[in-house]
Protein backbone atom coordinates (compact mmCIF):
# COMPACT_ATOMS: atom_id res chain seq x y z
CA MET A 1 0.00 0.00 0.00
CA GLN A 2 1.28 3.47 -0.81
CA GLU A 3 0.71 4.72 2.74
CA GLU A 4 3.12 2.11 4.07
CA ARG A 5 5.67 3.04 1.42
CA LEU A 6 5.32 6.71 2.38
CA ALA A 7 5.85 5.93 6.07
CA GLU A 8 8.91 3.83 5.24
CA LEU A 9 10.39 6.52 2.98
CA LEU A 10 9.90 9.25 5.58
CA GLU A 11 11.30 7.11 8.39
CA ARG A 12 14.34 6.05 6.36
CA TYR A 13 15.25 9.29 4.56
CA HIS A 14 13.34 12.12 6.22
CA SER A 15 13.67 11.50 9.92
CA GLY A 16 13.69 14.68 11.96
CA GLU A 17 12.57 18.21 11.23
CA SER A 18 15.80 19.18 9.48
CA ASN A 19 15.23 16.44 6.85
CA ALA A 20 11.68 17.34 5.81
CA ALA A 21 10.46 16.30 2.36
CA THR A 22 8.42 18.83 0.44
CA SER A 23 4.94 17.94 -0.70
CA ARG A 24 6.13 18.39 -4.28
CA GLU A 25 8.96 15.90 -3.75
CA LEU A 26 6.48 13.33 -2.41
CA GLU A 27 4.06 14.05 -5.26
CA LEU A 28 6.79 13.31 -7.81
CA THR A 29 8.05 10.24 -5.96
CA PHE A 30 4.61 8.63 -5.77
CA GLY A 31 3.09 10.09 -8.93
CA ILE A 32 0.18 11.64 -7.04
CA LYS A 33 -1.31 15.08 -6.32
CA GLY A 34 -0.79 17.16 -3.19
CA ILE A 35 -4.26 16.42 -1.82
CA GLN A 36 -3.48 12.72 -2.02
CA VAL A 37 -0.25 13.25 -0.08
CA ARG A 38 -2.25 15.02 2.63
CA HIS A 39 -4.82 12.22 2.75
CA MET A 40 -2.07 9.60 3.07
CA VAL A 41 -0.32 11.57 5.82
CA ASN A 42 -3.59 12.00 7.72
CA ALA A 43 -4.36 8.27 7.45
CA LEU A 44 -0.89 7.42 8.77
CA ARG A 45 -1.32 9.85 11.65
CA ARG A 46 -4.68 8.25 12.54
CA ASP A 47 -2.88 4.90 12.64
CA GLY A 48 -0.36 6.33 15.11
CA VAL A 49 2.58 6.81 12.75
CA PRO A 50 4.52 9.89 13.94
CA ILE A 51 4.46 11.93 10.74
CA ALA A 52 4.98 15.61 11.47
CA SER A 53 5.07 18.67 9.25
CA ASN A 54 6.31 22.22 9.19
CA GLY A 55 6.75 24.96 6.61
CA SER A 56 9.45 22.89 4.92
CA GLY A 57 7.41 19.73 4.45
CA TYR A 58 6.71 16.34 6.01
CA PHE A 59 9.05 14.28 8.16
CA TYR A 60 9.10 11.31 10.46
CA ALA A 61 9.23 12.66 14.02
CA ALA A 62 12.60 11.78 15.52
CA THR A 63 11.75 13.02 19.04
CA ASP A 64 8.63 13.30 21.18
CA GLN A 65 8.78 17.09 20.82
CA GLU A 66 8.49 16.92 17.04
């Protein structure tokens, strides 16, 4: 499932706030639109996956504070 692939990609390559992936980067990687990225991120968050975001993009939270 693409959501699992997204979680794996963020955990492996975009862990921590300083390594955020832009929405555009994720759109190109998965061949989807920005709204679909947001839906996938929201679904992962509902499942308890620690995906965070800031003005730079999305990242896998490396600390409890993130």
